[in-house]
Every structure is written in C-alpha cells, then in structure tokens.
Amino acid sequence: MPAVSTNIKIDPDVKEQAQNLFERLGMNLSTAVNIFLRQAIREQAIPFRITDATPTITLPPTRYDMSDKEFNAMMERGFYDIERGNTTTLHETFDDLRKGINNG
C-alpha cells in the first residue's frame, strides 16, 4: 500500500533533537514515527509508560550530548584523576548510584 502524508505540529526544538537522534540511529523522523505507530498498534497501547513524575536523578551527559572539545576536556579530567589516585572502586560507584536512585 502506498504511504500517505500526514501533517502534525511539533515543537521546532523537539523536532530537531529527534531528527538528530534518529539520524544517529540510521533512520529519519518518518521511519521513527512509523515504528512508534506500528508498536502502538501491536501493543494496543502507547508503547512506553507515561507519567507526570519529574525524573528524580540527573543522568550525566552522553558522548552525543557533548562537543569534541567538551568530551576531550572530560577525558583529560578523568586521566588527571586517575594519575592522582582520585578514583573509586566499582562497588563504591554502584553503591552511590543505588543511593541516588533510592533517595531520589
């Protein structure tokens, strides 16, 4: 069946961010919307949980959220910390994460 065009209103910033994300995932906005619609039909529901809750933890930025300059600076700070022994064990790190999630 041939595709049909549909017009929807999207906040310009949301559209740009979504297009950037989907481009990194190897698809365009139209493909992503089609995936969403097919999954909603398959599940007979919105295919993700919708809440009015504000996230309780702030995740660190991903590589894609940073410019090359920001990423390189972050890596340099990490190497500097390692050289000076300013590190934590894996168990300490996960304990801190759990505390943040449980207290959030």
PDB file of N, CA and C in Angstrom:
ATOM      1  N   MET A   1       0.848  -1.167   0.000  1.00  0.00           N
ATOM      2  CA  MET A   1       0.000   0.000   0.000  1.00  0.00           C
ATOM      3  C   MET A   1       0.902   1.241   0.000  1.00  0.00           C
ATOM      4  N   PRO A   2       0.592   2.218  -0.813  1.00  0.00           N
ATOM      5  CA  PRO A   2       1.423   3.429  -0.853  1.00  0.00           C
ATOM      6  C   PRO A   2       1.278   4.239   0.438  1.00  0.00           C
ATOM      7  N   ALA A   3       2.352   4.908   0.821  1.00  0.00           N
ATOM      8  CA  ALA A   3       2.356   5.735   2.026  1.00  0.00           C
ATOM      9  C   ALA A   3       1.505   6.983   1.802  1.00  0.00           C
ATOM     10  N   VAL A   4       0.924   7.482   2.872  1.00  0.00           N
ATOM     11  CA  VAL A   4       0.159   8.723   2.816  1.00  0.00           C
ATOM     12  C   VAL A   4       0.874   9.766   3.654  1.00  0.00           C
ATOM     13  N   SER A   5       0.721  11.009   3.273  1.00  0.00           N
ATOM     14  CA  SER A   5       1.312  12.099   4.044  1.00  0.00           C
ATOM     15  C   SER A   5       0.360  12.516   5.149  1.00  0.00           C
ATOM     16  N   THR A   6       0.930  12.854   6.301  1.00  0.00           N
ATOM     17  CA  THR A   6       0.161  13.324   7.438  1.00  0.00           C
ATOM     18  C   THR A   6       0.873  14.533   8.012  1.00  0.00           C
ATOM     19  N   ASN A   7       0.130  15.580   8.297  1.00  0.00           N
ATOM     20  CA  ASN A   7       0.716  16.780   8.899  1.00  0.00           C
ATOM     21  C   ASN A   7       0.480  16.776  10.395  1.00  0.00           C
ATOM     22  N   ILE A   8       1.555  16.986  11.166  1.00  0.00           N
ATOM     23  CA  ILE A   8       1.434  17.110  12.608  1.00  0.00           C
ATOM     24  C   ILE A   8       2.243  18.319  13.059  1.00  0.00           C
ATOM     25  N   LYS A   9       1.835  18.920  14.151  1.00  0.00           N
ATOM     26  CA  LYS A   9       2.570  20.063  14.691  1.00  0.00           C
ATOM     27  C   LYS A   9       3.551  19.558  15.742  1.00  0.00           C
ATOM     28  N   ILE A  10       4.813  19.968  15.610  1.00  0.00           N
ATOM     29  CA  ILE A  10       5.878  19.560  16.521  1.00  0.00           C
ATOM     30  C   ILE A  10       6.678  20.793  16.898  1.00  0.00           C
ATOM     31  N   ASP A  11       7.012  20.906  18.173  1.00  0.00           N
ATOM     32  CA  ASP A  11       7.889  21.977  18.623  1.00  0.00           C
ATOM     33  C   ASP A  11       9.184  21.909  17.808  1.00  0.00           C
ATOM     34  N   PRO A  12       9.642  23.033  17.250  1.00  0.00           N
ATOM     35  CA  PRO A  12      10.845  23.011  16.400  1.00  0.00           C
ATOM     36  C   PRO A  12      12.081  22.422  17.083  1.00  0.00           C
ATOM     37  N   ASP A  13      12.270  22.720  18.372  1.00  0.00           N
ATOM     38  CA  ASP A  13      13.438  22.175  19.074  1.00  0.00           C
ATOM     39  C   ASP A  13      13.319  20.665  19.254  1.00  0.00           C
ATOM     40  N   VAL A  14      12.117  20.204  19.574  1.00  0.00           N
ATOM     41  CA  VAL A  14      11.888  18.766  19.737  1.00  0.00           C
ATOM     42  C   VAL A  14      12.142  18.057  18.408  1.00  0.00           C
ATOM     43  N   LYS A  15      11.642  18.642  17.334  1.00  0.00           N
ATOM     44  CA  LYS A  15      11.827  18.037  16.005  1.00  0.00           C
ATOM     45  C   LYS A  15      13.317  17.925  15.671  1.00  0.00           C
ATOM     46  N   GLU A  16      14.062  18.986  15.913  1.00  0.00           N
ATOM     47  CA  GLU A  16      15.491  18.977  15.593  1.00  0.00           C
ATOM     48  C   GLU A  16      16.235  17.935  16.429  1.00  0.00           C
ATOM     49  N   GLN A  17      15.935  17.891  17.723  1.00  0.00           N
ATOM     50  CA  GLN A  17      16.591  16.911  18.590  1.00  0.00           C
ATOM     51  C   GLN A  17      16.243  15.487  18.167  1.00  0.00           C
ATOM     52  N   ALA A  18      14.981  15.267  17.822  1.00  0.00           N
ATOM     53  CA  ALA A  18      14.557  13.937  17.389  1.00  0.00           C
ATOM     54  C   ALA A  18      15.229  13.559  16.069  1.00  0.00           C
ATOM     55  N   GLN A  19      15.281  14.493  15.133  1.00  0.00           N
ATOM     56  CA  GLN A  19      15.936  14.206  13.856  1.00  0.00           C
ATOM     57  C   GLN A  19      17.409  13.864  14.059  1.00  0.00           C
ATOM     58  N   ASN A  20      18.088  14.582  14.943  1.00  0.00           N
ATOM     59  CA  ASN A  20      19.493  14.292  15.226  1.00  0.00           C
ATOM     60  C   ASN A  20      19.651  12.900  15.829  1.00  0.00           C
ATOM     61  N   LEU A  21      18.783  12.571  16.778  1.00  0.00           N
ATOM     62  CA  LEU A  21      18.823  11.248  17.401  1.00  0.00           C
ATOM     63  C   LEU A  21      18.599  10.152  16.366  1.00  0.00           C
ATOM     64  N   PHE A  22      17.533  10.279  15.592  1.00  0.00           N
ATOM     65  CA  PHE A  22      17.195   9.223  14.643  1.00  0.00           C
ATOM     66  C   PHE A  22      18.232   9.106  13.532  1.00  0.00           C
ATOM     67  N   GLU A  23      18.843  10.213  13.168  1.00  0.00           N
ATOM     68  CA  GLU A  23      19.926  10.157  12.181  1.00  0.00           C
ATOM     69  C   GLU A  23      21.081   9.312  12.714  1.00  0.00           C
ATOM     70  N   ARG A  24      21.413   9.509  13.997  1.00  0.00           N
ATOM     71  CA  ARG A  24      22.474   8.698  14.603  1.00  0.00           C
ATOM     72  C   ARG A  24      22.084   7.220  14.645  1.00  0.00           C
ATOM     73  N   LEU A  25      20.782   6.955  14.718  1.00  0.00           N
ATOM     74  CA  LEU A  25      20.299   5.578  14.747  1.00  0.00           C
ATOM     75  C   LEU A  25      20.078   5.015  13.345  1.00  0.00           C
ATOM     76  N   GLY A  26      20.365   5.828  12.325  1.00  0.00           N
ATOM     77  CA  GLY A  26      20.283   5.343  10.953  1.00  0.00           C
ATOM     78  C   GLY A  26      18.903   5.402  10.333  1.00  0.00           C
ATOM     79  N   MET A  27      18.069   6.309  10.809  1.00  0.00           N
ATOM     80  CA  MET A  27      16.725   6.429  10.233  1.00  0.00           C
ATOM     81  C   MET A  27      16.305   7.890  10.220  1.00  0.00           C
ATOM     82  N   ASN A  28      15.200   8.157   9.564  1.00  0.00           N
ATOM     83  CA  ASN A  28      14.674   9.518   9.558  1.00  0.00           C
ATOM     84  C   ASN A  28      13.444   9.596  10.467  1.00  0.00           C
ATOM     85  N   LEU A  29      12.918  10.786  10.618  1.00  0.00           N
ATOM     86  CA  LEU A  29      11.783  11.016  11.502  1.00  0.00           C
ATOM     87  C   LEU A  29      10.563  10.216  11.071  1.00  0.00           C
ATOM     88  N   SER A  30      10.328  10.137   9.780  1.00  0.00           N
ATOM     89  CA  SER A  30       9.184   9.394   9.263  1.00  0.00           C
ATOM     90  C   SER A  30       9.272   7.914   9.649  1.00  0.00           C
ATOM     91  N   THR A  31      10.448   7.326   9.508  1.00  0.00           N
ATOM     92  CA  THR A  31      10.629   5.920   9.880  1.00  0.00           C
ATOM     93  C   THR A  31      10.387   5.735  11.368  1.00  0.00           C
ATOM     94  N   ALA A  32      10.919   6.645  12.186  1.00  0.00           N
ATOM     95  CA  ALA A  32      10.743   6.548  13.637  1.00  0.00           C
ATOM     96  C   ALA A  32       9.264   6.641  14.017  1.00  0.00           C
ATOM     97  N   VAL A  33       8.531   7.549  13.388  1.00  0.00           N
ATOM     98  CA  VAL A  33       7.099   7.682  13.682  1.00  0.00           C
ATOM     99  C   VAL A  33       6.368   6.409  13.273  1.00  0.00           C
ATOM    100  N   ASN A  34       6.728   5.855  12.122  1.00  0.00           N
ATOM    101  CA  ASN A  34       6.107   4.601  11.683  1.00  0.00           C
ATOM    102  C   ASN A  34       6.398   3.462  12.657  1.00  0.00           C
ATOM    103  N   ILE A  35       7.613   3.396  13.178  1.00  0.00           N
ATOM    104  CA  ILE A  35       7.948   2.374  14.171  1.00  0.00           C
ATOM    105  C   ILE A  35       7.068   2.547  15.406  1.00  0.00           C
ATOM    106  N   PHE A  36       6.950   3.792  15.874  1.00  0.00           N
ATOM    107  CA  PHE A  36       6.112   4.078  17.036  1.00  0.00           C
ATOM    108  C   PHE A  36       4.670   3.637  16.785  1.00  0.00           C
ATOM    109  N   LEU A  37       4.109   4.021  15.632  1.00  0.00           N
ATOM    110  CA  LEU A  37       2.714   3.692  15.338  1.00  0.00           C
ATOM    111  C   LEU A  37       2.497   2.184  15.242  1.00  0.00           C
ATOM    112  N   ARG A  38       3.405   1.479  14.575  1.00  0.00           N
ATOM    113  CA  ARG A  38       3.269   0.020  14.452  1.00  0.00           C
ATOM    114  C   ARG A  38       3.351  -0.659  15.824  1.00  0.00           C
ATOM    115  N   GLN A  39       4.250  -0.175  16.668  1.00  0.00           N
ATOM    116  CA  GLN A  39       4.379  -0.758  18.003  1.00  0.00           C
ATOM    117  C   GLN A  39       3.134  -0.474  18.834  1.00  0.00           C
ATOM    118  N   ALA A  40       2.579   0.722  18.723  1.00  0.00           N
ATOM    119  CA  ALA A  40       1.347   1.063  19.445  1.00  0.00           C
ATOM    120  C   ALA A  40       0.205   0.143  18.996  1.00  0.00           C
ATOM    121  N   ILE A  41       0.102  -0.096  17.705  1.00  0.00           N
ATOM    122  CA  ILE A  41      -0.937  -0.998  17.191  1.00  0.00           C
ATOM    123  C   ILE A  41      -0.706  -2.415  17.710  1.00  0.00           C
ATOM    124  N   ARG A  42       0.548  -2.859  17.656  1.00  0.00           N
ATOM    125  CA  ARG A  42       0.883  -4.212  18.113  1.00  0.00           C
ATOM    126  C   ARG A  42       0.509  -4.396  19.588  1.00  0.00           C
ATOM    127  N   GLU A  43       0.811  -3.400  20.427  1.00  0.00           N
ATOM    128  CA  GLU A  43       0.559  -3.496  21.864  1.00  0.00           C
ATOM    129  C   GLU A  43      -0.845  -3.025  22.249  1.00  0.00           C
ATOM    130  N   GLN A  44      -1.526  -2.365  21.309  1.00  0.00           N
ATOM    131  CA  GLN A  44      -2.832  -1.771  21.596  1.00  0.00           C
ATOM    132  C   GLN A  44      -2.733  -0.806  22.774  1.00  0.00           C
ATOM    133  N   ALA A  45      -1.637  -0.057  22.771  1.00  0.00           N
ATOM    134  CA  ALA A  45      -1.378   0.912  23.836  1.00  0.00           C
ATOM    135  C   ALA A  45      -0.211   1.786  23.403  1.00  0.00           C
ATOM    136  N   ILE A  46       0.001   2.864  24.126  1.00  0.00           N
ATOM    137  CA  ILE A  46       1.203   3.652  23.894  1.00  0.00           C
ATOM    138  C   ILE A  46       2.368   2.781  24.352  1.00  0.00           C
ATOM    139  N   PRO A  47       3.380   2.601  23.516  1.00  0.00           N
ATOM    140  CA  PRO A  47       4.413   1.598  23.815  1.00  0.00           C
ATOM    141  C   PRO A  47       5.489   2.024  24.820  1.00  0.00           C
ATOM    142  N   PHE A  48       5.151   2.900  25.721  1.00  0.00           N
ATOM    143  CA  PHE A  48       6.040   3.269  26.811  1.00  0.00           C
ATOM    144  C   PHE A  48       5.180   3.856  27.917  1.00  0.00           C
ATOM    145  N   ARG A  49       5.721   3.862  29.122  1.00  0.00           N
ATOM    146  CA  ARG A  49       4.988   4.355  30.279  1.00  0.00           C
ATOM    147  C   ARG A  49       4.950   5.875  30.266  1.00  0.00           C
ATOM    148  N   ILE A  50       3.792   6.429  30.511  1.00  0.00           N
ATOM    149  CA  ILE A  50       3.632   7.883  30.580  1.00  0.00           C
ATOM    150  C   ILE A  50       3.307   8.249  32.023  1.00  0.00           C
ATOM    151  N   THR A  51       4.100   9.154  32.588  1.00  0.00           N
ATOM    152  CA  THR A  51       3.855   9.592  33.957  1.00  0.00           C
ATOM    153  C   THR A  51       3.967  11.105  34.018  1.00  0.00           C
ATOM    154  N   ASP A  52       3.485  11.652  35.092  1.00  0.00           N
ATOM    155  CA  ASP A  52       3.661  13.086  35.303  1.00  0.00           C
ATOM    156  C   ASP A  52       4.800  13.356  36.273  1.00  0.00           C
ATOM    157  N   ALA A  53       5.502  12.303  36.638  1.00  0.00           N
ATOM    158  CA  ALA A  53       6.603  12.428  37.596  1.00  0.00           C
ATOM    159  C   ALA A  53       7.814  13.092  36.941  1.00  0.00           C
ATOM    160  N   THR A  54       8.437  13.951  37.685  1.00  0.00           N
ATOM    161  CA  THR A  54       9.681  14.561  37.256  1.00  0.00           C
ATOM    162  C   THR A  54      10.803  13.580  37.548  1.00  0.00           C
ATOM    163  N   PRO A  55      11.720  13.382  36.620  1.00  0.00           N
ATOM    164  CA  PRO A  55      12.823  12.458  36.914  1.00  0.00           C
ATOM    165  C   PRO A  55      13.512  12.855  38.218  1.00  0.00           C
ATOM    166  N   THR A  56      13.876  11.842  38.999  1.00  0.00           N
ATOM    167  CA  THR A  56      14.453  12.119  40.310  1.00  0.00           C
ATOM    168  C   THR A  56      15.975  12.144  40.283  1.00  0.00           C
ATOM    169  N   ILE A  57      16.563  11.657  39.219  1.00  0.00           N
ATOM    170  CA  ILE A  57      18.016  11.695  39.114  1.00  0.00           C
ATOM    171  C   ILE A  57      18.394  12.352  37.795  1.00  0.00           C
ATOM    172  N   THR A  58      19.509  12.989  37.792  1.00  0.00           N
ATOM    173  CA  THR A  58      20.020  13.600  36.574  1.00  0.00           C
ATOM    174  C   THR A  58      21.142  12.726  36.051  1.00  0.00           C
ATOM    175  N   LEU A  59      20.964  12.244  34.845  1.00  0.00           N
ATOM    176  CA  LEU A  59      21.988  11.401  34.254  1.00  0.00           C
ATOM    177  C   LEU A  59      23.101  12.265  33.684  1.00  0.00           C
ATOM    178  N   PRO A  60      24.314  11.757  33.699  1.00  0.00           N
ATOM    179  CA  PRO A  60      25.411  12.518  33.099  1.00  0.00           C
ATOM    180  C   PRO A  60      25.225  12.598  31.587  1.00  0.00           C
ATOM    181  N   PRO A  61      25.817  13.578  30.954  1.00  0.00           N
ATOM    182  CA  PRO A  61      25.661  13.697  29.503  1.00  0.00           C
ATOM    183  C   PRO A  61      26.315  12.518  28.793  1.00  0.00           C
ATOM    184  N   THR A  62      25.748  12.141  27.664  1.00  0.00           N
ATOM    185  CA  THR A  62      26.360  11.097  26.840  1.00  0.00           C
ATOM    186  C   THR A  62      27.347  11.748  25.882  1.00  0.00           C
ATOM    187  N   ARG A  63      28.096  10.940  25.208  1.00  0.00           N
ATOM    188  CA  ARG A  63      29.071  11.444  24.226  1.00  0.00           C
ATOM    189  C   ARG A  63      28.372  12.308  23.180  1.00  0.00           C
ATOM    190  N   TYR A  64      27.159  11.929  22.808  1.00  0.00           N
ATOM    191  CA  TYR A  64      26.432  12.664  21.773  1.00  0.00           C
ATOM    192  C   TYR A  64      25.930  14.021  22.253  1.00  0.00           C
ATOM    193  N   ASP A  65      25.892  14.217  23.574  1.00  0.00           N
ATOM    194  CA  ASP A  65      25.448  15.498  24.127  1.00  0.00           C
ATOM    195  C   ASP A  65      26.573  16.525  24.169  1.00  0.00           C
ATOM    196  N   MET A  66      27.816  16.076  23.917  1.00  0.00           N
ATOM    197  CA  MET A  66      28.975  16.942  24.081  1.00  0.00           C
ATOM    198  C   MET A  66      29.649  17.246  22.744  1.00  0.00           C
ATOM    199  N   SER A  67      30.247  18.414  22.692  1.00  0.00           N
ATOM    200  CA  SER A  67      31.105  18.726  21.550  1.00  0.00           C
ATOM    201  C   SER A  67      32.412  17.952  21.719  1.00  0.00           C
ATOM    202  N   ASP A  68      33.218  17.885  20.680  1.00  0.00           N
ATOM    203  CA  ASP A  68      34.515  17.222  20.783  1.00  0.00           C
ATOM    204  C   ASP A  68      35.363  17.877  21.871  1.00  0.00           C
ATOM    205  N   LYS A  69      35.297  19.214  21.940  1.00  0.00           N
ATOM    206  CA  LYS A  69      36.090  19.942  22.939  1.00  0.00           C
ATOM    207  C   LYS A  69      35.650  19.561  24.353  1.00  0.00           C
ATOM    208  N   GLU A  70      34.344  19.502  24.591  1.00  0.00           N
ATOM    209  CA  GLU A  70      33.828  19.139  25.908  1.00  0.00           C
ATOM    210  C   GLU A  70      34.202  17.694  26.259  1.00  0.00           C
ATOM    211  N   PHE A  71      34.074  16.804  25.286  1.00  0.00           N
ATOM    212  CA  PHE A  71      34.403  15.401  25.526  1.00  0.00           C
ATOM    213  C   PHE A  71      35.885  15.236  25.865  1.00  0.00           C
ATOM    214  N   ASN A  72      36.735  15.890  25.079  1.00  0.00           N
ATOM    215  CA  ASN A  72      38.174  15.785  25.328  1.00  0.00           C
ATOM    216  C   ASN A  72      38.547  16.351  26.696  1.00  0.00           C
ATOM    217  N   ALA A  73      37.906  17.452  27.093  1.00  0.00           N
ATOM    218  CA  ALA A  73      38.174  18.038  28.409  1.00  0.00           C
ATOM    219  C   ALA A  73      37.750  17.079  29.517  1.00  0.00           C
ATOM    220  N   MET A  74      36.601  16.430  29.344  1.00  0.00           N
ATOM    221  CA  MET A  74      36.141  15.472  30.332  1.00  0.00           C
ATOM    222  C   MET A  74      37.113  14.295  30.435  1.00  0.00           C
ATOM    223  N   MET A  75      37.592  13.807  29.310  1.00  0.00           N
ATOM    224  CA  MET A  75      38.545  12.694  29.320  1.00  0.00           C
ATOM    225  C   MET A  75      39.850  13.107  29.998  1.00  0.00           C
ATOM    226  N   GLU A  76      40.313  14.326  29.722  1.00  0.00           N
ATOM    227  CA  GLU A  76      41.538  14.809  30.363  1.00  0.00           C
ATOM    228  C   GLU A  76      41.377  14.881  31.879  1.00  0.00           C
ATOM    229  N   ARG A  77      40.212  15.363  32.344  1.00  0.00           N
ATOM    230  CA  ARG A  77      39.962  15.404  33.785  1.00  0.00           C
ATOM    231  C   ARG A  77      39.989  13.988  34.370  1.00  0.00           C
ATOM    232  N   GLY A  78      39.441  13.034  33.632  1.00  0.00           N
ATOM    233  CA  GLY A  78      39.447  11.648  34.090  1.00  0.00           C
ATOM    234  C   GLY A  78      40.857  11.090  34.204  1.00  0.00           C
ATOM    235  N   PHE A  79      41.673  11.338  33.192  1.00  0.00           N
ATOM    236  CA  PHE A  79      43.058  10.866  33.242  1.00  0.00           C
ATOM    237  C   PHE A  79      43.822  11.540  34.384  1.00  0.00           C
ATOM    238  N   TYR A  80      43.559  12.822  34.594  1.00  0.00           N
ATOM    239  CA  TYR A  80      44.197  13.565  35.688  1.00  0.00           C
ATOM    240  C   TYR A  80      43.833  12.924  37.031  1.00  0.00           C
ATOM    241  N   ASP A  81      42.535  12.605  37.205  1.00  0.00           N
ATOM    242  CA  ASP A  81      42.091  11.974  38.452  1.00  0.00           C
ATOM    243  C   ASP A  81      42.757  10.612  38.646  1.00  0.00           C
ATOM    244  N   ILE A  82      42.861   9.833  37.576  1.00  0.00           N
ATOM    245  CA  ILE A  82      43.495   8.512  37.675  1.00  0.00           C
ATOM    246  C   ILE A  82      44.951   8.649  38.090  1.00  0.00           C
ATOM    247  N   GLU A  83      45.658   9.581  37.471  1.00  0.00           N
ATOM    248  CA  GLU A  83      47.074   9.782  37.799  1.00  0.00           C
ATOM    249  C   GLU A  83      47.264  10.131  39.270  1.00  0.00           C
ATOM    250  N   ARG A  84      46.312  10.822  39.858  1.00  0.00           N
ATOM    251  CA  ARG A  84      46.433  11.248  41.245  1.00  0.00           C
ATOM    252  C   ARG A  84      45.758  10.293  42.221  1.00  0.00           C
ATOM    253  N   GLY A  85      45.249   9.201  41.728  1.00  0.00           N
ATOM    254  CA  GLY A  85      44.603   8.219  42.604  1.00  0.00           C
ATOM    255  C   GLY A  85      43.230   8.627  43.083  1.00  0.00           C
ATOM    256  N   ASN A  86      42.649   9.625  42.453  1.00  0.00           N
ATOM    257  CA  ASN A  86      41.318  10.096  42.820  1.00  0.00           C
ATOM    258  C   ASN A  86      40.286   9.220  42.105  1.00  0.00           C
ATOM    259  N   THR A  87      40.150   7.988  42.582  1.00  0.00           N
ATOM    260  CA  THR A  87      39.263   7.023  41.939  1.00  0.00           C
ATOM    261  C   THR A  87      38.416   6.332  43.003  1.00  0.00           C
ATOM    262  N   THR A  88      37.394   5.622  42.560  1.00  0.00           N
ATOM    263  CA  THR A  88      36.582   4.795  43.443  1.00  0.00           C
ATOM    264  C   THR A  88      36.495   3.401  42.838  1.00  0.00           C
ATOM    265  N   THR A  89      36.175   2.436  43.673  1.00  0.00           N
ATOM    266  CA  THR A  89      36.004   1.081  43.171  1.00  0.00           C
ATOM    267  C   THR A  89      34.651   0.968  42.473  1.00  0.00           C
ATOM    268  N   LEU A  90      34.509  -0.091  41.711  1.00  0.00           N
ATOM    269  CA  LEU A  90      33.243  -0.352  41.033  1.00  0.00           C
ATOM    270  C   LEU A  90      32.118  -0.483  42.053  1.00  0.00           C
ATOM    271  N   HIS A  91      32.374  -1.171  43.157  1.00  0.00           N
ATOM    272  CA  HIS A  91      31.348  -1.353  44.185  1.00  0.00           C
ATOM    273  C   HIS A  91      30.940  -0.022  44.818  1.00  0.00           C
ATOM    274  N   GLU A  92      31.909   0.853  45.077  1.00  0.00           N
ATOM    275  CA  GLU A  92      31.595   2.173  45.638  1.00  0.00           C
ATOM    276  C   GLU A  92      30.738   2.980  44.667  1.00  0.00           C
ATOM    277  N   THR A  93      31.085   2.912  43.403  1.00  0.00           N
ATOM    278  CA  THR A  93      30.335   3.651  42.378  1.00  0.00           C
ATOM    279  C   THR A  93      28.890   3.176  42.316  1.00  0.00           C
ATOM    280  N   PHE A  94      28.679   1.848  42.282  1.00  0.00           N
ATOM    281  CA  PHE A  94      27.313   1.326  42.216  1.00  0.00           C
ATOM    282  C   PHE A  94      26.547   1.588  43.507  1.00  0.00           C
ATOM    283  N   ASP A  95      27.223   1.539  44.639  1.00  0.00           N
ATOM    284  CA  ASP A  95      26.555   1.903  45.895  1.00  0.00           C
ATOM    285  C   ASP A  95      26.057   3.339  45.849  1.00  0.00           C
ATOM    286  N   ASP A  96      26.891   4.249  45.329  1.00  0.00           N
ATOM    287  CA  ASP A  96      26.493   5.654  45.198  1.00  0.00           C
ATOM    288  C   ASP A  96      25.309   5.801  44.247  1.00  0.00           C
ATOM    289  N   LEU A  97      25.323   5.060  43.154  1.00  0.00           N
ATOM    290  CA  LEU A  97      24.211   5.112  42.199  1.00  0.00           C
ATOM    291  C   LEU A  97      22.925   4.624  42.847  1.00  0.00           C
ATOM    292  N   ARG A  98      23.010   3.508  43.562  1.00  0.00           N
ATOM    293  CA  ARG A  98      21.823   2.970  44.234  1.00  0.00           C
ATOM    294  C   ARG A  98      21.265   3.966  45.248  1.00  0.00           C
ATOM    295  N   LYS A  99      22.146   4.596  46.002  1.00  0.00           N
ATOM    296  CA  LYS A  99      21.707   5.590  46.982  1.00  0.00           C
ATOM    297  C   LYS A  99      20.965   6.732  46.294  1.00  0.00           C
ATOM    298  N   GLY A 100      21.519   7.189  45.178  1.00  0.00           N
ATOM    299  CA  GLY A 100      20.882   8.275  44.430  1.00  0.00           C
ATOM    300  C   GLY A 100      19.521   7.890  43.900  1.00  0.00           C
ATOM    301  N   ILE A 101      19.391   6.653  43.428  1.00  0.00           N
ATOM    302  CA  ILE A 101      18.115   6.190  42.904  1.00  0.00           C
ATOM    303  C   ILE A 101      17.095   6.016  44.038  1.00  0.00           C
ATOM    304  N   ASN A 102      17.525   5.417  45.134  1.00  0.00           N
ATOM    305  CA  ASN A 102      16.611   5.148  46.243  1.00  0.00           C
ATOM    306  C   ASN A 102      16.211   6.410  46.996  1.00  0.00           C
ATOM    307  N   ASN A 103      17.082   7.411  47.001  1.00  0.00           N
ATOM    308  CA  ASN A 103      16.769   8.665  47.709  1.00  0.00           C
ATOM    309  C   ASN A 103      16.141   9.710  46.822  1.00  0.00           C
ATOM    310  N   GLY A 104      16.068   9.409  45.512  1.00  0.00           N
ATOM    311  CA  GLY A 104      15.591  10.377  44.548  1.00  0.00           C
ATOM    312  C   GLY A 104      14.184  10.723  44.722  1.00  0.00           C
TER     313      GLY A 104
END
